[in-house]
Protein backbone atom coordinates (compact mmCIF):
# COMPACT_ATOMS: atom_id res chain seq x y z
CA UNK A 1 -15.11 -40.92 -50.33
CA UNK A 2 -13.20 -42.06 -53.45
CA UNK A 3 -9.74 -41.47 -51.87
CA UNK A 4 -10.45 -43.84 -48.96
CA UNK A 5 -9.74 -47.38 -50.06
CA UNK A 6 -11.57 -49.79 -47.78
CA UNK A 7 -9.07 -52.57 -48.39
CA UNK A 8 -5.84 -50.64 -48.15
CA UNK A 9 -3.22 -52.39 -46.02
CA UNK A 10 -3.20 -49.80 -43.13
CA UNK A 11 -4.70 -46.62 -41.92
CA UNK A 12 -1.84 -44.37 -42.90
CA UNK A 13 -2.15 -45.55 -46.53
CA UNK A 14 -5.83 -44.83 -46.54
CA UNK A 15 -5.29 -41.35 -45.13
CA UNK A 16 -2.54 -40.55 -47.65
CA UNK A 17 -4.77 -41.66 -50.50
CA UNK A 18 -7.52 -39.38 -49.19
CA UNK A 19 -5.26 -36.35 -49.08
CA UNK A 20 -4.22 -37.01 -52.67
CA UNK A 21 -7.78 -37.34 -53.96
CA UNK A 22 -8.97 -34.11 -52.28
CA UNK A 23 -7.28 -32.06 -54.94
CA UNK A 24 -10.00 -33.18 -57.39
CA UNK A 25 -13.14 -33.75 -55.42
CA UNK A 26 -16.77 -34.52 -56.04
CA UNK A 27 -19.15 -31.97 -54.39
CA UNK A 28 -22.93 -31.96 -53.94
CA UNK A 29 -24.38 -28.49 -53.51
CA UNK A 30 -28.02 -28.12 -52.30
CA UNK A 31 -30.28 -25.15 -52.36
CA UNK A 32 -33.91 -24.17 -51.96
CA UNK A 33 -35.27 -23.06 -55.37
CA UNK A 34 -35.31 -19.37 -54.49
CA UNK A 35 -33.28 -16.92 -56.62
CA UNK A 36 -31.50 -15.31 -53.72
CA UNK A 37 -30.56 -18.66 -52.27
CA UNK A 38 -29.65 -20.32 -55.50
CA UNK A 39 -27.50 -17.59 -57.14
CA UNK A 40 -24.61 -17.60 -54.67
CA UNK A 41 -24.58 -21.40 -54.65
CA UNK A 42 -24.33 -21.48 -58.46
CA UNK A 43 -21.52 -18.91 -58.25
CA UNK A 44 -19.73 -21.24 -55.81
CA UNK A 45 -20.35 -24.19 -58.15
CA UNK A 46 -18.87 -22.29 -61.04
CA UNK A 47 -15.72 -21.51 -59.04
CA UNK A 48 -15.34 -25.10 -57.78
CA UNK A 49 -15.73 -26.36 -61.37
CA UNK A 50 -13.09 -23.92 -62.62
CA UNK A 51 -10.70 -25.40 -59.94
CA UNK A 52 -11.15 -28.83 -61.40
CA UNK A 53 -13.75 -30.27 -59.06
CA UNK A 54 -16.86 -32.20 -60.12
CA UNK A 55 -20.00 -30.45 -58.90
CA UNK A 56 -23.66 -31.46 -58.78
CA UNK A 57 -26.28 -28.92 -57.74
CA UNK A 58 -29.54 -30.11 -56.27
CA UNK A 59 -32.22 -27.46 -56.57
CA UNK A 60 -35.42 -26.52 -58.38
CA UNK A 61 -36.16 -27.63 -62.00
CA UNK A 62 -36.33 -24.00 -63.14
CA UNK A 63 -32.69 -23.46 -62.40
CA UNK A 64 -31.38 -26.28 -64.65
CA UNK A 65 -30.00 -24.00 -67.36
CA UNK A 66 -28.26 -21.70 -64.93
CA UNK A 67 -26.57 -24.64 -63.14
CA UNK A 68 -25.45 -26.23 -66.45
CA UNK A 69 -24.14 -22.90 -67.71
CA UNK A 70 -21.92 -22.86 -64.60
CA UNK A 71 -20.40 -26.15 -65.72
CA UNK A 72 -22.16 -28.20 -63.06
CA UNK A 73 -24.58 -31.14 -63.20
CA UNK A 74 -28.18 -30.32 -62.27
CA UNK A 75 -30.43 -32.55 -60.12
CA UNK A 76 -34.07 -31.57 -59.47
CA UNK A 77 -35.81 -31.56 -56.21
CA UNK A 78 -39.15 -33.36 -56.13
CA UNK A 79 -42.57 -33.05 -54.61
CA UNK A 80 -43.45 -29.87 -52.70
CA UNK A 81 -39.73 -29.00 -52.55
CA UNK A 82 -39.65 -28.20 -56.30
CA UNK A 83 -41.63 -25.01 -56.47
CA UNK A 84 -41.28 -21.93 -58.63
CA UNK A 85 -40.31 -18.84 -56.65
CA UNK A 86 -41.53 -16.54 -59.46
CA UNK A 87 -45.13 -17.48 -58.49
CA UNK A 88 -44.55 -17.74 -54.72
CA UNK A 89 -48.05 -16.69 -53.93
CA UNK A 90 -49.32 -19.98 -55.33
CA UNK A 91 -47.16 -21.79 -52.63
CA UNK A 92 -48.02 -19.28 -49.92
CA UNK A 93 -51.78 -18.72 -50.37
CA UNK A 94 -52.47 -17.54 -46.82
CA UNK A 95 -49.37 -15.33 -46.53
CA UNK A 96 -51.15 -12.01 -46.61
CA UNK A 97 -53.25 -13.00 -43.60
CA UNK A 98 -50.05 -12.69 -41.43
CA UNK A 99 -47.90 -9.81 -40.41
CA UNK A 100 -44.55 -9.33 -38.77
CA UNK A 101 -42.95 -12.37 -37.11
CA UNK A 102 -46.12 -14.35 -37.76
CA UNK A 103 -45.49 -13.98 -41.42
CA UNK A 104 -41.92 -15.14 -40.98
CA UNK A 105 -43.21 -18.21 -39.11
CA UNK A 106 -45.69 -18.97 -41.89
CA UNK A 107 -42.90 -18.72 -44.43
CA UNK A 108 -40.52 -20.89 -42.44
CA UNK A 109 -43.15 -23.57 -42.00
CA UNK A 110 -44.37 -23.60 -45.53
CA UNK A 111 -41.26 -23.10 -47.52
CA UNK A 112 -38.41 -24.58 -45.32
CA UNK A 113 -39.96 -27.14 -42.91
CA UNK A 114 -42.79 -28.88 -44.81
CA UNK A 115 -40.28 -29.44 -47.69
CA UNK A 116 -37.90 -31.44 -45.53
CA UNK A 117 -39.13 -35.00 -46.44
CA UNK A 118 -39.00 -34.36 -50.13
CA UNK A 119 -35.66 -32.61 -49.83
CA UNK A 120 -34.24 -35.45 -47.77
CA UNK A 121 -35.43 -38.00 -50.35
CA UNK A 122 -33.66 -36.06 -53.05
CA UNK A 123 -30.41 -35.75 -50.97
CA UNK A 124 -30.38 -39.48 -50.22
CA UNK A 125 -30.83 -40.33 -53.94
CA UNK A 126 -28.02 -37.89 -54.85
CA UNK A 127 -25.63 -39.41 -52.30
CA UNK A 128 -26.37 -42.88 -53.54
CA UNK A 129 -25.84 -41.95 -57.20
CA UNK A 130 -23.20 -39.31 -56.98
CA UNK A 131 -21.17 -40.44 -53.98
CA UNK A 132 -20.09 -36.89 -53.11
CA UNK A 133 -16.90 -36.36 -51.05
CA UNK A 134 -18.67 -33.40 -49.26
CA UNK A 135 -21.97 -31.73 -49.23
CA UNK A 136 -22.43 -27.92 -49.17
CA UNK A 137 -25.93 -26.56 -48.42
CA UNK A 138 -27.31 -23.06 -48.12
CA UNK A 139 -28.58 -21.68 -44.84
CA UNK A 140 -32.20 -22.74 -45.08
CA UNK A 141 -31.85 -26.10 -46.90
CA UNK A 142 -33.11 -28.28 -44.05
CA UNK A 143 -33.23 -31.48 -46.10
CA UNK A 144 -29.98 -32.53 -44.53
CA UNK A 145 -31.30 -32.35 -40.97
CA UNK A 146 -31.90 -36.14 -40.76
CA UNK A 147 -28.25 -36.70 -41.73
CA UNK A 148 -26.91 -34.13 -39.25
CA UNK A 149 -28.99 -35.89 -36.52
CA UNK A 150 -27.66 -39.29 -37.57
CA UNK A 151 -24.08 -37.98 -37.20
CA UNK A 152 -24.84 -36.51 -33.81
CA UNK A 153 -26.31 -39.88 -32.76
CA UNK A 154 -23.14 -41.68 -33.88
CA UNK A 155 -24.76 -43.59 -36.80
CA UNK A 156 -23.50 -41.38 -39.62
CA UNK A 157 -19.81 -42.10 -39.67
CA UNK A 158 -19.89 -43.05 -43.34
CA UNK A 159 -21.70 -39.84 -44.35
CA UNK A 160 -19.69 -37.21 -46.21
CA UNK A 161 -19.00 -33.90 -44.38
CA UNK A 162 -21.92 -31.48 -44.53
CA UNK A 163 -21.14 -27.76 -44.45
CA UNK A 164 -23.51 -24.81 -44.79
CA UNK A 165 -23.16 -21.43 -46.51
CA UNK A 166 -25.09 -18.52 -44.92
CA UNK A 167 -26.85 -16.85 -47.80
CA UNK A 168 -29.20 -14.90 -45.45
CA UNK A 169 -28.48 -12.72 -42.39
CA UNK A 170 -26.90 -14.84 -39.72
CA UNK A 171 -29.39 -16.64 -37.47
CA UNK A 172 -28.21 -17.98 -34.12
CA UNK A 173 -29.84 -17.35 -30.74
CA UNK A 174 -27.69 -15.30 -28.31
CA UNK A 175 -27.93 -13.36 -25.13
CA UNK A 176 -26.21 -10.49 -27.06
CA UNK A 177 -28.85 -10.06 -29.82
CA UNK A 178 -32.60 -10.10 -30.06
CA UNK A 179 -34.29 -13.16 -31.70
CA UNK A 180 -34.06 -13.47 -35.44
CA UNK A 181 -37.01 -11.88 -37.26
CA UNK A 182 -37.72 -9.07 -34.90
CA UNK A 183 -35.28 -6.69 -36.52
CA UNK A 184 -34.34 -5.11 -33.18
CA UNK A 185 -31.08 -3.34 -32.72
CA UNK A 186 -28.62 -4.76 -30.19
CA UNK A 187 -29.04 -3.29 -26.70
CA UNK A 188 -25.82 -3.06 -24.80
CA UNK A 189 -25.21 -3.99 -21.16
CA UNK A 190 -27.01 -6.14 -18.57
CA UNK A 191 -30.43 -4.71 -19.46
CA UNK A 192 -29.96 -5.70 -23.08
CA UNK A 193 -28.97 -9.22 -22.17
CA UNK A 194 -32.07 -9.50 -19.94
CA UNK A 195 -34.25 -8.23 -22.81
CA UNK A 196 -32.72 -10.77 -25.18
CA UNK A 197 -33.25 -13.72 -22.76
CA UNK A 198 -36.89 -12.80 -22.22
CA UNK A 199 -37.47 -12.33 -26.00
CA UNK A 200 -35.73 -15.67 -26.80
CA UNK A 201 -38.02 -17.52 -24.42
CA UNK A 202 -41.08 -15.82 -25.84
CA UNK A 203 -40.08 -16.51 -29.43
CA UNK A 204 -38.90 -20.12 -28.96
CA UNK A 205 -41.48 -21.39 -26.48
CA UNK A 206 -44.51 -19.37 -27.53
CA UNK A 207 -44.34 -17.71 -30.93
CA UNK A 208 -42.42 -20.45 -32.81
CA UNK A 209 -43.72 -23.32 -30.68
CA UNK A 210 -45.81 -24.72 -33.57
CA UNK A 211 -42.96 -24.44 -35.97
CA UNK A 212 -40.68 -26.34 -33.68
CA UNK A 213 -43.33 -29.01 -33.19
CA UNK A 214 -43.89 -29.29 -36.96
CA UNK A 215 -40.19 -29.80 -37.54
CA UNK A 216 -39.93 -32.42 -34.84
CA UNK A 217 -42.98 -34.26 -36.01
CA UNK A 218 -41.61 -34.47 -39.55
CA UNK A 219 -38.30 -35.77 -38.20
CA UNK A 220 -40.05 -38.39 -36.11
CA UNK A 221 -41.82 -39.54 -39.25
CA UNK A 222 -38.41 -39.91 -40.84
CA UNK A 223 -37.26 -41.97 -37.92
CA UNK A 224 -35.11 -39.28 -36.33
CA UNK A 225 -35.11 -37.69 -32.88
CA UNK A 226 -36.29 -34.18 -32.06
CA UNK A 227 -34.08 -31.20 -32.84
CA UNK A 228 -31.46 -30.59 -30.04
CA UNK A 229 -31.88 -26.86 -30.40
CA UNK A 230 -34.28 -24.13 -31.65
CA UNK A 231 -35.42 -24.56 -35.23
CA UNK A 232 -33.75 -21.29 -36.34
CA UNK A 233 -30.42 -22.32 -34.80
CA UNK A 234 -29.48 -24.86 -37.50
CA UNK A 235 -26.18 -23.06 -37.87
CA UNK A 236 -25.01 -24.87 -34.73
CA UNK A 237 -25.49 -28.30 -36.25
CA UNK A 238 -23.14 -28.13 -39.24
CA UNK A 239 -19.50 -29.13 -39.12
CA UNK A 240 -18.78 -25.63 -40.45
CA UNK A 241 -21.09 -22.80 -41.05
CA UNK A 242 -19.65 -20.35 -43.52
CA UNK A 243 -21.47 -17.04 -43.25
CA UNK A 244 -21.37 -14.87 -46.34
CA UNK A 245 -20.74 -11.19 -45.80
CA UNK A 246 -18.08 -9.45 -43.76
CA UNK A 247 -18.05 -9.92 -39.96
CA UNK A 248 -18.31 -6.16 -39.59
CA UNK A 249 -21.89 -6.32 -40.88
CA UNK A 250 -22.96 -8.75 -38.09
CA UNK A 251 -23.55 -7.67 -34.45
CA UNK A 252 -21.07 -9.59 -32.28
CA UNK A 253 -22.07 -12.52 -30.12
CA UNK A 254 -19.84 -13.63 -27.27
CA UNK A 255 -21.64 -17.00 -27.31
CA UNK A 256 -21.15 -17.59 -31.03
CA UNK A 257 -20.74 -21.32 -31.79
CA UNK A 258 -17.27 -22.38 -32.66
CA UNK A 259 -18.18 -23.79 -36.07
CA UNK A 260 -18.97 -20.38 -37.52
CA UNK A 261 -16.60 -18.71 -39.97
CA UNK A 262 -17.14 -15.39 -41.91
CA UNK A 263 -15.97 -15.83 -45.47
CA UNK A 264 -16.81 -12.61 -47.27
CA UNK A 265 -19.26 -11.93 -50.03
CA UNK A 266 -20.18 -13.98 -53.11
CA UNK A 267 -21.30 -11.73 -55.91
CA UNK A 268 -23.24 -13.82 -58.46
CA UNK A 269 -22.94 -12.63 -62.04
CA UNK A 270 -25.44 -9.94 -62.82
CA UNK A 271 -28.47 -11.15 -64.83
CA UNK A 272 -28.20 -10.65 -68.58
CA UNK A 273 -29.76 -7.28 -69.08
CA UNK A 274 -29.22 -6.97 -72.82
CA UNK A 275 -27.80 -3.85 -74.37
CA UNK A 276 -27.35 -0.82 -72.05
CA UNK A 277 -30.31 1.54 -72.22
CA UNK A 278 -29.93 4.64 -74.36
CA UNK A 279 -29.93 6.86 -71.29
CA UNK A 280 -26.99 5.07 -69.67
CA UNK A 281 -24.56 7.96 -70.32
CA UNK A 282 -26.71 10.14 -68.01
CA UNK A 283 -25.29 8.25 -65.04
CA UNK A 284 -22.00 9.96 -65.67
CA UNK A 285 -23.52 13.42 -65.26
CA UNK A 286 -23.30 15.84 -62.33
CA UNK A 287 -26.44 14.67 -60.55
CA UNK A 288 -26.31 12.08 -57.75
CA UNK A 289 -27.63 8.71 -58.86
CA UNK A 290 -30.34 7.06 -56.67
CA UNK A 291 -31.13 3.47 -57.61
CA UNK A 292 -34.34 1.87 -56.41
CA UNK A 293 -35.61 -1.70 -56.81
CA UNK A 294 -37.95 -4.13 -55.14
CA UNK A 295 -35.97 -7.11 -56.38
CA UNK A 296 -37.34 -9.99 -58.49
CA UNK A 297 -39.83 -11.53 -56.08
CA UNK A 298 -41.54 -8.79 -54.03
CA UNK A 299 -42.31 -6.69 -57.11
CA UNK A 300 -45.90 -7.45 -57.74
CA UNK A 301 -46.92 -4.17 -56.12
CA UNK A 302 -44.58 -1.43 -57.26
CA UNK A 303 -46.40 1.08 -55.06
CA UNK A 304 -44.66 -0.47 -51.98
CA UNK A 305 -41.30 1.18 -52.54
CA UNK A 306 -40.61 2.22 -56.16
CA UNK A 307 -43.54 4.63 -56.56
CA UNK A 308 -42.93 6.34 -53.21
CA UNK A 309 -39.33 6.84 -54.24
CA UNK A 310 -40.24 8.27 -57.58
CA UNK A 311 -42.69 10.66 -55.92
CA UNK A 312 -40.26 11.60 -53.18
CA UNK A 313 -37.45 12.68 -55.50
CA UNK A 314 -39.40 14.00 -58.47
CA UNK A 315 -38.42 17.63 -57.70
CA UNK A 316 -34.93 16.93 -56.51
CA UNK A 317 -31.70 17.37 -58.47
CA UNK A 318 -30.94 13.67 -58.62
CA UNK A 319 -31.19 10.98 -61.23
CA UNK A 320 -33.49 8.21 -60.13
CA UNK A 321 -32.75 4.82 -61.76
CA UNK A 322 -35.38 2.07 -61.42
CA UNK A 323 -35.08 -1.67 -62.00
CA UNK A 324 -38.41 -3.35 -61.97
CA UNK A 325 -36.95 -6.84 -61.52
CA UNK A 326 -38.69 -8.19 -64.67
CA UNK A 327 -42.02 -6.39 -64.40
CA UNK A 328 -42.96 -4.33 -67.47
CA UNK A 329 -41.70 -0.75 -67.22
CA UNK A 330 -45.13 0.37 -68.31
CA UNK A 331 -46.48 -0.86 -64.93
CA UNK A 332 -44.79 2.19 -63.39
CA UNK A 333 -47.03 4.59 -65.19
CA UNK A 334 -45.74 7.99 -66.04
CA UNK A 335 -42.20 8.65 -64.82
CA UNK A 336 -40.97 11.94 -63.43
CA UNK A 337 -38.60 13.81 -65.65
CA UNK A 338 -35.60 12.87 -63.55
CA UNK A 339 -36.32 9.19 -63.58
CA UNK A 340 -35.12 6.34 -65.85
CA UNK A 341 -36.23 2.73 -65.80
CA UNK A 342 -35.55 -0.78 -67.10
CA UNK A 343 -36.65 -4.31 -66.26
CA UNK A 344 -33.13 -5.43 -65.49
CA UNK A 345 -29.86 -3.52 -65.10
CA UNK A 346 -26.25 -4.92 -64.88
CA UNK A 347 -25.35 -4.32 -61.23
CA UNK A 348 -21.71 -4.80 -61.87
CA UNK A 349 -21.77 -1.68 -64.00
CA UNK A 350 -24.61 0.19 -62.15
CA UNK A 351 -23.32 0.08 -58.57
CA UNK A 352 -19.99 1.98 -59.23
CA UNK A 353 -22.13 4.83 -60.59
CA UNK A 354 -24.70 4.83 -57.75
CA UNK A 355 -24.63 7.24 -54.85
CA UNK A 356 -27.59 5.83 -52.82
CA UNK A 357 -29.34 2.45 -53.12
CA UNK A 358 -33.07 2.39 -52.03
CA UNK A 359 -33.89 -1.22 -51.46
CA UNK A 360 -36.47 -3.53 -49.88
CA UNK A 361 -33.46 -5.07 -48.09
CA UNK A 362 -32.76 -8.33 -49.92
CA UNK A 363 -29.52 -9.77 -48.51
CA UNK A 364 -27.88 -10.39 -51.84
CA UNK A 365 -28.56 -6.96 -53.27
CA UNK A 366 -27.49 -5.34 -50.05
CA UNK A 367 -24.12 -7.22 -50.10
CA UNK A 368 -23.75 -6.22 -53.79
CA UNK A 369 -24.15 -2.59 -52.90
CA UNK A 370 -21.76 -2.77 -49.90
CA UNK A 371 -19.10 -4.51 -51.96
CA UNK A 372 -19.11 -1.28 -54.03
CA UNK A 373 -19.21 1.06 -51.07
CA UNK A 374 -22.78 2.26 -51.83
CA UNK A 375 -24.81 3.49 -48.80
CA UNK A 376 -28.41 2.37 -48.49
CA UNK A 377 -31.93 3.26 -47.56
CA UNK A 378 -33.54 -0.03 -46.47
CA UNK A 379 -37.25 -0.64 -46.38
CA UNK A 380 -37.99 -4.27 -45.58
CA UNK A 381 -40.70 -5.89 -43.51
CA UNK A 382 -41.02 -9.50 -44.85
CA UNK A 383 -38.87 -12.62 -44.74
CA UNK A 384 -35.41 -11.84 -43.50
CA UNK A 385 -35.57 -8.23 -44.60
CA UNK A 386 -36.18 -6.66 -41.15
CA UNK A 387 -32.88 -8.33 -40.06
CA UNK A 388 -31.04 -6.88 -43.13
CA UNK A 389 -32.53 -3.44 -42.42
CA UNK A 390 -31.44 -3.63 -38.84
CA UNK A 391 -27.87 -4.46 -39.87
CA UNK A 392 -27.86 -1.53 -42.28
CA UNK A 393 -28.72 0.77 -39.38
CA UNK A 394 -26.40 -0.96 -36.89
CA UNK A 395 -23.37 -0.82 -39.13
CA UNK A 396 -23.90 2.74 -40.03
CA UNK A 397 -24.07 2.18 -43.82
CA UNK A 398 -27.48 3.64 -44.25
CA UNK A 399 -30.96 4.47 -42.95
CA UNK A 400 -33.55 1.84 -41.80
CA UNK A 401 -37.09 2.99 -42.66
CA UNK A 402 -38.49 0.13 -40.49
CA UNK A 403 -41.32 -0.56 -42.89
CA UNK A 404 -41.78 -2.14 -46.30
CA UNK A 405 -44.28 0.43 -47.38
CA UNK A 406 -42.73 3.87 -46.59
CA UNK A 407 -44.34 7.19 -47.42
CA UNK A 408 -42.84 9.49 -50.02
CA UNK A 409 -41.84 11.84 -47.18
CA UNK A 410 -39.96 9.16 -45.34
CA UNK A 411 -37.98 8.16 -48.44
CA UNK A 412 -37.20 11.84 -49.22
CA UNK A 413 -35.88 12.44 -45.75
CA UNK A 414 -33.82 9.26 -45.70
CA UNK A 415 -32.19 9.83 -49.11
CA UNK A 416 -31.52 13.40 -48.13
CA UNK A 417 -29.79 12.27 -44.91
CA UNK A 418 -27.58 9.75 -46.72
CA UNK A 419 -26.61 12.37 -49.42
CA UNK A 420 -25.93 15.07 -46.86
CA UNK A 421 -23.93 13.13 -44.37
CA UNK A 422 -20.64 11.61 -45.73
CA UNK A 423 -20.32 9.29 -42.78
CA UNK A 424 -22.79 6.89 -44.41
CA UNK A 425 -20.62 6.67 -47.55
CA UNK A 426 -17.44 6.43 -45.53
CA UNK A 427 -18.84 3.51 -43.53
CA UNK A 428 -20.08 1.79 -46.71
CA UNK A 429 -16.68 2.17 -48.32
CA UNK A 430 -15.10 0.78 -45.14
CA UNK A 431 -17.21 -2.37 -45.47
CA UNK A 432 -16.23 -2.53 -49.14
CA UNK A 433 -12.62 -2.57 -48.08
CA UNK A 434 -13.32 -5.25 -45.50
CA UNK A 435 -15.11 -7.41 -48.15
CA UNK A 436 -12.18 -6.99 -50.49
CA UNK A 437 -9.87 -8.59 -47.88
CA UNK A 438 -11.64 -11.93 -48.09
CA UNK A 439 -10.69 -14.61 -50.62
CA UNK A 440 -14.20 -15.93 -50.43
CA UNK A 441 -14.05 -18.69 -52.97
CA UNK A 442 -10.65 -19.76 -51.74
CA UNK A 443 -11.90 -19.92 -48.13
CA UNK A 444 -14.88 -22.01 -49.13
CA UNK A 445 -12.69 -24.51 -51.03
CA UNK A 446 -10.30 -24.63 -48.13
CA UNK A 447 -13.07 -25.31 -45.62
CA UNK A 448 -14.42 -28.09 -47.78
CA UNK A 449 -10.98 -29.67 -48.03
CA UNK A 450 -10.31 -29.37 -44.27
CA UNK A 451 -13.59 -31.04 -43.53
CA UNK A 452 -12.80 -33.84 -45.94
CA UNK A 453 -9.30 -34.34 -44.41
CA UNK A 454 -10.86 -34.51 -40.95
CA UNK A 455 -13.41 -37.04 -42.15
CA UNK A 456 -10.75 -39.17 -43.79
CA UNK A 457 -8.68 -39.00 -40.71
CA UNK A 458 -11.51 -40.15 -38.45
CA UNK A 459 -12.36 -43.02 -40.79
CA UNK A 460 -8.74 -44.14 -40.97
CA UNK A 461 -8.44 -44.06 -37.16
CA UNK A 462 -11.42 -46.36 -36.60
CA UNK A 463 -10.63 -48.70 -39.51
């Protein structure tokens, strides 16, 4: 790193210089080119820039303008790693042939494993050209795996520290929780631990066997050894794993790895939504406000969640507010009299006026709602969404519909439960209070600085 002078007269001088330079550091941030992964990383980049650091963000080409607007330098991924998440079906042509955890495995293989060689090439080039003092990657950016394995093998002493930020529900195998992707509630006691051990063996050695083999084969082609642990347990390999969200939203694990820290919630700036719709004043009326959305990716079929919600609440004394996530509002067809819709809505202004959030359980949107104390109705069955939905149920902040395509009756009953039972709102507000206690950006900067100091100390000791 810049503060370590290779020809300084002694180790103490090198270490002192490193401490001085840490106050203005050069960071490389890496993210898969997926909106929900990139947005918190860009928010972190913006904060680090505001603190005087130099930041480069390595991600998809389509996010160049957003990165540069944050004051950071953009670098593009290449090859199959530089895809456009707005047309994800082009990159996942066989996705609809799979269901449940098989669909999760297909996603992991196609999006996060097969992209490793191209991601790694981009990371190596960025290190050579930018000489970062530390690297910060999001949960699923596996392009740094070869470097993490180098460090474990004792050949990566000159590599900068590599820290991860958990932008998805936390994934780490444990005897206290079921395997990631099943969306199963924790089961207490000895029987629960037996269940989890059995399921972990089944998932790791049978269901995800081909994914593990694919990852290891790609690493071997890059001249690296096999993974030392399960492919979904990458959180164990980083110097620090900084999980976004409050610890209260995560089922506890007695065998949690020591490198994990919960750092609170990053709330990316709401997308520019233009002028507020003319009906905005109605949100301040006497009717409860129910907001429903399918996000910006899983919104090609609005009949999955939005239409059932509209039908479910058409005759109820509530105001239903729809965000189509960029799809034309006309795609919704005729709206009930108590419904209003827009392509995008400013969440920073909408959530304080919302009584219930009906969502397909994206992690970022869920955290946004919880940061404002809004209870949820969660309907997710793809990607990480069963895990988000399970946490909504486990933490008591809402109802888990356990499907991505609920009936109107199921939505009606769930929204009615949340509105009728103040415990849901009380628990959501409790999580909002917990989130408010975190100085998230300050904690992230402090962890980066601590990792850099430790790195500088190790290099000075062996010099």
